[in-house]
Amino acid sequence: MSSSRSRLLLLAALALGCAPRANASAPAPSLDEVTLTPLTEGVWVHTTWARLASGLFSSSGLLVCSHGVGLLVDTAWNDAQTERLLALADARECPVRALVVTHFHNDRMGGIGAVLRRGVATYAYRETVTRAQLPSWSPTVLDSPGEVRVGNVTAEVFFPGEAHTPDNVVVWLRDARTLFGGCMVRARSWSSLGNVADANLAAWPASARALVERYGSQAAHVVPGHGEPGDASLLSHTLTLAEAARPR
């Protein structure tokens, strides 16, 4: 990724404000820190931090590992953090062979350069490819629902409709009963929809309802793009917030 493109993506991140702020009473996290937190067998939540205009904010994605190969759902904020994330996957004997990007914002694909330099296969919803505007990026373009297979890992990529962005998709891991909801799904601690700069507030309730109907009875684990993972109740929580924010 070019330095000018990286600067543009960082400026976009400064406008996002869609991640939870660091706890003021806790030690400040390092911007170099990359954590992998076990969620369920073969699935880790990766978390990294960025300093935005309003403070330190975290962002999360998934690392899914089976039979010695890994699927990454979203990158870290930047290339350096993503290089460390990939190294952590290697250390767990889970080298990343594929990446799914869940929308075009910097907190989802700011580290795409690190992934591309490794020759990792990348996948994205067609609208994400259009909005990312990266001439050097040629992912496998997915319609919805789409399927990504890496080793024994099968992931469903589903576009429920516009919400946080016009291109937000979720990733469903059926065998792990885990849904990565990205930024359109809100953690329990959230009392608002967060950043809505690129949102479709009128469509968000219907999109959230589509997630409830498709995954609400199946998901044991739901991971938002920011904040703590939970269960399927995060989907109904998001629907409640979306309905409250819908233009009247």
Protein backbone atom coordinates (compact mmCIF):
# COMPACT_ATOMS: atom_id res chain seq x y z
CA MET A 1 0.00 0.00 0.00
CA SER A 2 1.40 3.42 -0.89
CA SER A 3 2.27 5.89 1.86
CA SER A 4 -0.21 8.39 0.41
CA ARG A 5 -2.96 5.74 0.48
CA SER A 6 -2.06 4.87 4.08
CA ARG A 7 -2.33 8.54 5.07
CA LEU A 8 -5.72 8.78 3.40
CA LEU A 9 -6.94 5.70 5.21
CA LEU A 10 -5.68 7.05 8.52
CA LEU A 11 -7.56 10.29 7.92
CA ALA A 12 -10.65 8.24 7.22
CA ALA A 13 -10.12 6.38 10.47
CA LEU A 14 -9.94 9.65 12.36
CA ALA A 15 -13.45 10.37 11.18
CA LEU A 16 -14.83 6.97 12.10
CA GLY A 17 -15.20 7.09 15.85
CA CYS A 18 -16.90 3.69 15.75
CA ALA A 19 -14.72 1.91 18.29
CA PRO A 20 -14.85 1.81 22.06
CA ARG A 21 -12.56 4.19 23.90
CA ALA A 22 -9.86 2.87 26.21
CA ASN A 23 -10.81 2.61 29.87
CA ALA A 24 -9.36 5.68 31.51
CA SER A 25 -8.68 3.74 34.75
CA ALA A 26 -6.73 0.99 32.99
CA PRO A 27 -3.17 1.20 31.67
CA ALA A 28 -3.12 2.74 28.21
CA PRO A 29 -2.78 0.03 25.55
CA SER A 30 0.21 0.12 23.26
CA LEU A 31 -0.37 0.95 19.61
CA ASP A 32 2.09 -1.88 18.88
CA GLU A 33 0.03 -4.39 20.83
CA VAL A 34 -1.76 -7.18 19.02
CA THR A 35 -3.77 -9.62 21.11
CA LEU A 36 -5.33 -12.97 20.25
CA THR A 37 -8.08 -14.01 22.66
CA PRO A 38 -9.52 -17.54 22.44
CA LEU A 39 -13.24 -17.55 21.70
CA THR A 40 -14.04 -21.18 20.95
CA GLU A 41 -12.10 -24.11 19.53
CA GLY A 42 -9.99 -22.92 16.62
CA VAL A 43 -11.29 -19.33 16.77
CA TRP A 44 -9.50 -16.31 18.23
CA VAL A 45 -10.53 -12.67 18.41
CA HIS A 46 -7.71 -10.37 17.29
CA THR A 47 -7.66 -6.88 18.78
CA THR A 48 -5.56 -3.82 17.97
CA TRP A 49 -5.66 -0.14 18.88
CA ALA A 50 -5.46 3.18 17.05
CA ARG A 51 -5.14 6.74 18.28
CA LEU A 52 -7.98 8.73 16.74
CA ALA A 53 -8.91 12.36 17.24
CA SER A 54 -11.05 11.51 20.27
CA GLY A 55 -8.69 9.02 21.92
CA LEU A 56 -7.52 5.41 21.81
CA PHE A 57 -9.93 2.95 20.21
CA SER A 58 -9.87 -0.78 19.69
CA SER A 59 -10.92 -2.88 16.75
CA SER A 60 -11.41 -6.62 16.47
CA GLY A 61 -11.51 -9.34 13.86
CA LEU A 62 -11.14 -13.12 13.81
CA LEU A 63 -8.42 -15.68 13.24
CA VAL A 64 -9.86 -19.09 12.41
CA CYS A 65 -7.54 -22.09 12.33
CA SER A 66 -8.05 -25.69 11.26
CA HIS A 67 -5.56 -28.37 10.24
CA GLY A 68 -2.64 -25.97 10.13
CA VAL A 69 -4.09 -23.20 7.95
CA GLY A 70 -5.75 -19.95 8.92
CA LEU A 71 -8.54 -17.68 7.75
CA LEU A 72 -8.33 -14.04 8.81
CA VAL A 73 -11.46 -11.94 9.06
CA ASP A 74 -10.39 -8.29 8.68
CA THR A 75 -6.92 -6.87 9.19
CA ALA A 76 -5.58 -4.71 11.98
CA TRP A 77 -5.57 -0.90 11.66
CA ASN A 78 -2.30 -0.75 9.70
CA ASP A 79 0.36 -2.81 7.99
CA ALA A 80 2.74 -2.96 10.97
CA GLN A 81 0.08 -4.32 13.32
CA THR A 82 -1.09 -6.75 10.66
CA GLU A 83 2.46 -8.05 10.17
CA ARG A 84 2.56 -8.81 13.89
CA LEU A 85 -0.85 -10.47 13.69
CA LEU A 86 0.30 -12.69 10.84
CA ALA A 87 3.44 -13.58 12.82
CA LEU A 88 1.29 -14.58 15.81
CA ALA A 89 -0.72 -16.84 13.52
CA ASP A 90 2.50 -18.39 12.23
CA ALA A 91 3.67 -19.00 15.81
CA ARG A 92 0.45 -20.94 16.44
CA GLU A 93 1.21 -23.06 13.38
CA CYS A 94 -1.78 -21.43 11.70
CA PRO A 95 -0.35 -19.49 8.74
CA VAL A 96 -2.97 -17.25 7.20
CA ARG A 97 -3.96 -18.40 3.72
CA ALA A 98 -7.03 -16.22 3.17
CA LEU A 99 -8.51 -12.91 4.28
CA VAL A 100 -12.15 -11.80 4.22
CA VAL A 101 -12.72 -8.03 4.38
CA THR A 102 -16.09 -7.05 5.87
CA HIS A 103 -16.25 -3.43 4.65
CA PHE A 104 -14.13 -0.67 3.23
CA HIS A 105 -13.22 1.32 6.37
CA ASN A 106 -9.66 1.47 7.65
CA ASP A 107 -10.41 -0.52 10.80
CA ARG A 108 -11.32 -3.46 8.55
CA MET A 109 -8.63 -3.31 5.87
CA GLY A 110 -5.99 -0.76 6.90
CA GLY A 111 -3.39 -3.54 6.95
CA ILE A 112 -4.20 -4.97 3.53
CA GLY A 113 -0.69 -4.16 2.28
CA ALA A 114 0.88 -6.62 4.73
CA VAL A 115 -1.50 -9.35 3.59
CA LEU A 116 -0.92 -8.72 -0.10
CA ARG A 117 2.85 -8.79 0.31
CA ARG A 118 2.52 -12.34 1.60
CA GLY A 119 0.45 -13.41 -1.37
CA VAL A 120 -2.54 -14.29 0.80
CA ALA A 121 -5.79 -14.86 -1.10
CA THR A 122 -8.31 -12.11 -0.36
CA TYR A 123 -12.10 -12.05 -0.58
CA ALA A 124 -14.57 -9.18 -0.44
CA TYR A 125 -18.15 -8.30 -1.29
CA ARG A 126 -18.39 -6.60 -4.68
CA GLU A 127 -19.44 -3.24 -3.20
CA THR A 128 -16.41 -3.27 -0.88
CA VAL A 129 -14.07 -3.65 -3.83
CA THR A 130 -15.72 -0.68 -5.53
CA ARG A 131 -15.55 1.55 -2.46
CA ALA A 132 -12.00 0.63 -1.42
CA GLN A 133 -10.60 2.10 -4.65
CA LEU A 134 -7.30 0.21 -4.46
CA PRO A 135 -6.06 -0.40 -8.01
CA SER A 136 -3.44 -2.90 -6.78
CA TRP A 137 -6.03 -5.03 -4.98
CA SER A 138 -7.73 -7.78 -6.97
CA PRO A 139 -9.65 -9.95 -4.53
CA THR A 140 -12.05 -12.72 -5.31
CA VAL A 141 -15.34 -10.86 -5.57
CA LEU A 142 -18.23 -12.32 -3.59
CA ASP A 143 -21.94 -12.03 -4.08
CA SER A 144 -24.25 -12.77 -1.15
CA PRO A 145 -24.37 -15.28 0.30
CA GLY A 146 -20.83 -16.23 -0.64
CA GLU A 147 -18.60 -19.01 0.60
CA VAL A 148 -14.90 -19.04 1.43
CA ARG A 149 -13.07 -22.30 2.08
CA VAL A 150 -9.59 -22.53 3.59
CA GLY A 151 -8.46 -26.02 4.47
CA ASN A 152 -11.30 -27.44 6.54
CA VAL A 153 -12.69 -24.00 7.41
CA THR A 154 -15.87 -22.95 5.62
CA ALA A 155 -17.17 -19.43 6.10
CA GLU A 156 -20.41 -17.94 4.83
CA VAL A 157 -20.19 -14.27 3.84
CA PHE A 158 -23.60 -12.61 3.97
CA PHE A 159 -24.76 -9.11 3.10
CA PRO A 160 -27.85 -8.39 5.21
CA GLY A 161 -28.46 -4.96 3.70
CA GLU A 162 -27.04 -1.50 4.22
CA ALA A 163 -26.42 -0.43 7.81
CA HIS A 164 -23.09 0.89 9.16
CA THR A 165 -21.95 1.15 5.53
CA PRO A 166 -23.45 0.28 2.15
CA ASP A 167 -21.14 -2.76 1.92
CA ASN A 168 -21.09 -4.27 5.43
CA VAL A 169 -21.06 -8.06 5.40
CA VAL A 170 -20.98 -10.59 8.23
CA VAL A 171 -19.06 -13.87 8.40
CA TRP A 172 -20.74 -17.02 9.70
CA LEU A 173 -18.72 -20.02 10.90
CA ARG A 174 -21.35 -22.73 11.11
CA ASP A 175 -19.18 -25.42 12.70
CA ALA A 176 -18.06 -23.00 15.44
CA ARG A 177 -21.54 -21.44 15.74
CA THR A 178 -19.79 -18.09 15.56
CA LEU A 179 -20.96 -14.95 13.78
CA PHE A 180 -18.59 -12.06 13.13
CA GLY A 181 -20.95 -9.10 12.87
CA GLY A 182 -18.40 -6.38 12.19
CA CYS A 183 -19.33 -2.75 12.75
CA MET A 184 -23.02 -3.17 12.03
CA VAL A 185 -23.41 -5.23 15.23
CA ARG A 186 -23.08 -3.34 18.51
CA ALA A 187 -21.53 -4.69 21.70
CA ARG A 188 -23.75 -4.85 24.79
CA SER A 189 -21.95 -1.84 26.31
CA TRP A 190 -22.98 0.39 23.40
CA SER A 191 -26.02 2.62 23.78
CA SER A 192 -25.84 4.08 20.26
CA LEU A 193 -24.91 3.04 16.74
CA GLY A 194 -21.57 4.86 16.93
CA ASN A 195 -20.15 6.29 13.74
CA VAL A 196 -22.89 6.84 11.15
CA ALA A 197 -20.96 8.91 8.60
CA ASP A 198 -21.49 6.27 5.89
CA ALA A 199 -24.56 4.66 7.43
CA ASN A 200 -28.02 4.08 6.06
CA LEU A 201 -30.11 4.70 9.19
CA ALA A 202 -33.36 4.03 7.37
CA ALA A 203 -32.20 0.58 6.24
CA TRP A 204 -30.29 -0.48 9.37
CA PRO A 205 -33.34 -1.91 11.25
CA ALA A 206 -34.29 -4.20 8.37
CA SER A 207 -30.67 -5.29 7.96
CA ALA A 208 -30.38 -6.04 11.68
CA ARG A 209 -33.65 -7.96 11.54
CA ALA A 210 -32.24 -10.05 8.69
CA LEU A 211 -29.36 -11.09 10.96
CA VAL A 212 -31.73 -12.00 13.78
CA GLU A 213 -33.81 -14.13 11.42
CA ARG A 214 -30.85 -15.83 9.75
CA TYR A 215 -28.53 -16.43 12.70
CA GLY A 216 -30.40 -15.59 15.91
CA SER A 217 -31.34 -19.19 16.69
CA GLN A 218 -27.98 -20.64 15.64
CA ALA A 219 -25.23 -18.34 16.90
CA ALA A 220 -23.62 -19.22 20.23
CA HIS A 221 -20.97 -16.53 19.81
CA VAL A 222 -21.42 -13.10 18.20
CA VAL A 223 -18.37 -10.87 17.75
CA PRO A 224 -18.84 -7.16 17.03
CA GLY A 225 -16.20 -5.14 15.25
CA HIS A 226 -15.64 -3.16 18.45
CA GLY A 227 -16.16 -4.17 22.05
CA GLU A 228 -16.75 -7.42 23.87
CA PRO A 229 -18.14 -10.53 22.16
CA GLY A 230 -21.44 -11.91 23.33
CA ASP A 231 -24.20 -14.24 22.27
CA ALA A 232 -27.12 -13.87 19.86
CA SER A 233 -28.67 -11.23 22.12
CA LEU A 234 -26.24 -8.74 20.54
CA LEU A 235 -28.30 -9.02 17.37
CA SER A 236 -31.53 -8.02 19.08
CA HIS A 237 -29.63 -5.31 20.99
CA THR A 238 -28.42 -3.90 17.67
CA LEU A 239 -31.94 -4.06 16.26
CA THR A 240 -33.25 -2.05 19.22
CA LEU A 241 -30.58 0.62 18.73
CA ALA A 242 -31.22 0.75 14.98
CA GLU A 243 -34.95 1.16 15.43
CA ALA A 244 -34.39 3.99 17.91
CA ALA A 245 -32.10 5.77 15.44
CA ARG A 246 -34.27 5.30 12.35
CA PRO A 247 -35.37 8.62 10.84
CA ARG A 248 -39.04 9.34 11.47
